[in-house]
């Protein structure tokens, strides 16, 4: 990566909506285990093993959902635009980073819209490569981002 001393025209760090923080997830796990343990102790006395098995399956399902929510919350996209370059740094759920560089004068901003004119997808196309950005944002956030990014891209081309 090259060091840049100029201020970018546009810079945005995109993160998924409504993902649990580590603190919230830990609190949820502690409360779930506590409540399940208390209920299990009461059921052990009555000998209802089927309900205990169902509770164990519920705990596993909650764990899987929490794991996937926390994994999704690690996704990031850093979009930085200068007059002479555009960088998109994508960090996936596993923490792997992918950097793509584009020339702002040759890159095309392609927007897919639904019948209500909401932006459903944002693509950057340069020569043979096409990259989708901001795929995890809500429709409203994606539309707002596309509007701001499109304005900045026009300024970079001028």
Protein backbone atom coordinates (compact mmCIF):
# COMPACT_ATOMS: atom_id res chain seq x y z
CA UNK A 1 0.00 0.00 0.00
CA UNK A 2 1.23 3.45 -0.83
CA UNK A 3 1.19 6.23 1.72
CA UNK A 4 -0.95 9.21 0.75
CA UNK A 5 -0.51 12.66 2.22
CA UNK A 6 -3.55 14.26 0.61
CA UNK A 7 -7.01 14.35 2.13
CA UNK A 8 -9.44 12.03 0.33
CA UNK A 9 -12.47 13.47 -1.44
CA UNK A 10 -14.62 10.74 0.06
CA UNK A 11 -14.03 8.14 2.76
CA UNK A 12 -16.58 5.80 4.30
CA UNK A 13 -16.32 2.75 6.54
CA UNK A 14 -19.35 0.56 5.96
CA UNK A 15 -20.46 -1.94 8.61
CA UNK A 16 -23.52 -4.21 8.82
CA UNK A 17 -26.67 -3.01 10.56
CA UNK A 18 -28.02 -4.45 13.81
CA UNK A 19 -25.22 -6.81 14.72
CA UNK A 20 -24.57 -7.70 18.33
CA UNK A 21 -21.53 -6.28 20.06
CA UNK A 22 -19.25 -8.66 21.95
CA UNK A 23 -20.51 -7.31 25.28
CA UNK A 24 -24.17 -7.83 24.32
CA UNK A 25 -23.46 -11.33 23.04
CA UNK A 26 -21.63 -12.28 26.24
CA UNK A 27 -24.49 -10.95 28.36
CA UNK A 28 -27.01 -12.90 26.28
CA UNK A 29 -25.01 -16.12 26.62
CA UNK A 30 -24.66 -15.72 30.40
CA UNK A 31 -28.38 -15.05 30.86
CA UNK A 32 -29.36 -17.97 28.61
CA UNK A 33 -27.08 -20.41 30.42
CA UNK A 34 -28.26 -19.16 33.82
CA UNK A 35 -31.96 -19.47 32.98
CA UNK A 36 -31.49 -22.85 31.32
CA UNK A 37 -29.50 -24.18 34.25
CA UNK A 38 -32.14 -23.10 36.76
CA UNK A 39 -34.92 -24.68 34.70
CA UNK A 40 -32.88 -27.86 34.20
CA UNK A 41 -32.33 -28.26 37.93
CA UNK A 42 -36.08 -28.07 38.54
CA UNK A 43 -36.82 -30.56 35.74
CA UNK A 44 -34.20 -33.06 36.92
CA UNK A 45 -36.18 -33.61 40.09
CA UNK A 46 -39.32 -34.50 38.13
CA UNK A 47 -37.45 -36.71 35.65
CA UNK A 48 -38.56 -35.13 32.39
CA UNK A 49 -35.57 -35.98 30.17
CA UNK A 50 -37.25 -35.12 26.87
CA UNK A 51 -37.65 -31.47 27.87
CA UNK A 52 -34.00 -31.33 28.98
CA UNK A 53 -32.95 -32.63 25.55
CA UNK A 54 -35.07 -29.98 23.83
CA UNK A 55 -33.51 -27.30 26.01
CA UNK A 56 -30.03 -28.52 25.05
CA UNK A 57 -30.96 -28.30 21.36
CA UNK A 58 -32.23 -24.77 21.96
CA UNK A 59 -28.91 -23.82 23.53
CA UNK A 60 -27.03 -25.17 20.53
CA UNK A 61 -29.32 -23.23 18.15
CA UNK A 62 -28.84 -20.01 20.12
CA UNK A 63 -25.07 -20.55 20.01
CA UNK A 64 -25.08 -21.00 16.24
CA UNK A 65 -27.15 -17.83 15.76
CA UNK A 66 -24.85 -15.82 18.04
CA UNK A 67 -21.75 -17.13 16.29
CA UNK A 68 -23.07 -16.17 12.86
CA UNK A 69 -24.21 -12.72 14.11
CA UNK A 70 -20.81 -12.00 15.61
CA UNK A 71 -19.06 -13.25 12.48
CA UNK A 72 -21.21 -10.97 10.33
CA UNK A 73 -20.43 -8.00 12.59
CA UNK A 74 -16.74 -8.29 11.69
CA UNK A 75 -17.45 -7.43 8.05
CA UNK A 76 -16.19 -4.04 6.94
CA UNK A 77 -15.79 -2.13 3.70
CA UNK A 78 -13.58 0.92 3.60
CA UNK A 79 -14.18 3.03 0.49
CA UNK A 80 -11.67 5.84 -0.06
CA UNK A 81 -11.67 8.15 -3.08
CA UNK A 82 -8.94 10.58 -4.12
CA UNK A 83 -8.71 12.55 -7.34
CA UNK A 84 -6.22 10.02 -8.72
CA UNK A 85 -7.43 6.75 -7.17
CA UNK A 86 -10.23 4.76 -5.61
CA UNK A 87 -9.56 2.06 -3.02
CA UNK A 88 -12.04 -0.48 -1.71
CA UNK A 89 -10.76 -2.49 1.27
CA UNK A 90 -13.10 -5.39 2.06
CA UNK A 91 -12.78 -7.30 5.34
CA UNK A 92 -14.91 -10.46 5.42
CA UNK A 93 -16.36 -12.24 8.46
CA UNK A 94 -13.23 -14.34 8.91
CA UNK A 95 -11.05 -11.22 9.03
CA UNK A 96 -9.43 -11.65 5.60
CA UNK A 97 -8.81 -8.38 3.79
CA UNK A 98 -9.00 -7.74 0.07
CA UNK A 99 -7.85 -4.45 -1.44
CA UNK A 100 -9.02 -3.36 -4.88
CA UNK A 101 -7.79 -0.21 -6.60
CA UNK A 102 -9.52 1.61 -9.43
CA UNK A 103 -8.90 4.70 -11.53
CA UNK A 104 -11.81 7.09 -10.84
CA UNK A 105 -11.76 8.31 -14.43
CA UNK A 106 -12.31 4.84 -15.89
CA UNK A 107 -14.49 3.18 -13.24
CA UNK A 108 -18.25 3.06 -13.83
CA UNK A 109 -20.77 3.26 -10.99
CA UNK A 110 -23.69 0.93 -11.75
CA UNK A 111 -26.83 1.06 -9.62
CA UNK A 112 -29.60 -1.52 -9.64
CA UNK A 113 -32.96 -0.16 -8.53
CA UNK A 114 -36.33 -1.68 -7.66
CA UNK A 115 -39.74 -0.44 -8.77
CA UNK A 116 -39.78 2.17 -5.97
CA UNK A 117 -36.43 3.63 -7.15
CA UNK A 118 -34.58 2.29 -4.10
CA UNK A 119 -31.01 1.19 -4.75
CA UNK A 120 -30.81 -2.61 -4.43
CA UNK A 121 -27.18 -3.07 -5.52
CA UNK A 122 -24.10 -0.92 -6.12
CA UNK A 123 -21.45 -2.17 -8.54
CA UNK A 124 -18.11 -0.74 -9.60
CA UNK A 125 -17.02 -1.82 -13.08
CA UNK A 126 -13.57 -1.25 -14.53
CA UNK A 127 -12.51 -3.06 -17.69
CA UNK A 128 -13.14 -6.78 -17.04
CA UNK A 129 -13.70 -6.53 -13.29
CA UNK A 130 -17.00 -5.83 -11.54
CA UNK A 131 -17.23 -5.50 -7.75
CA UNK A 132 -20.35 -5.14 -5.61
CA UNK A 133 -20.02 -2.83 -2.62
CA UNK A 134 -22.28 -2.06 0.34
CA UNK A 135 -24.22 -5.31 -0.13
CA UNK A 136 -24.94 -5.70 3.59
CA UNK A 137 -26.48 -2.24 4.07
CA UNK A 138 -30.23 -1.67 4.29
CA UNK A 139 -32.00 -0.27 1.22
CA UNK A 140 -32.23 3.23 2.69
CA UNK A 141 -28.58 3.27 3.78
CA UNK A 142 -27.50 1.87 0.41
CA UNK A 143 -29.42 4.63 -1.43
CA UNK A 144 -27.88 7.34 0.76
CA UNK A 145 -24.38 5.91 0.31
CA UNK A 146 -24.83 5.62 -3.48
CA UNK A 147 -25.96 9.24 -3.73
CA UNK A 148 -23.00 10.56 -1.70
CA UNK A 149 -20.47 8.30 -3.42
CA UNK A 150 -21.78 9.16 -6.90
CA UNK A 151 -21.42 12.89 -6.15
CA UNK A 152 -17.85 12.40 -4.93
CA UNK A 153 -16.97 10.26 -7.97
CA UNK A 154 -18.21 13.02 -10.30
CA UNK A 155 -16.01 15.52 -8.44
CA UNK A 156 -12.98 13.22 -8.79
CA UNK A 157 -13.53 12.98 -12.55
CA UNK A 158 -13.75 16.76 -12.99
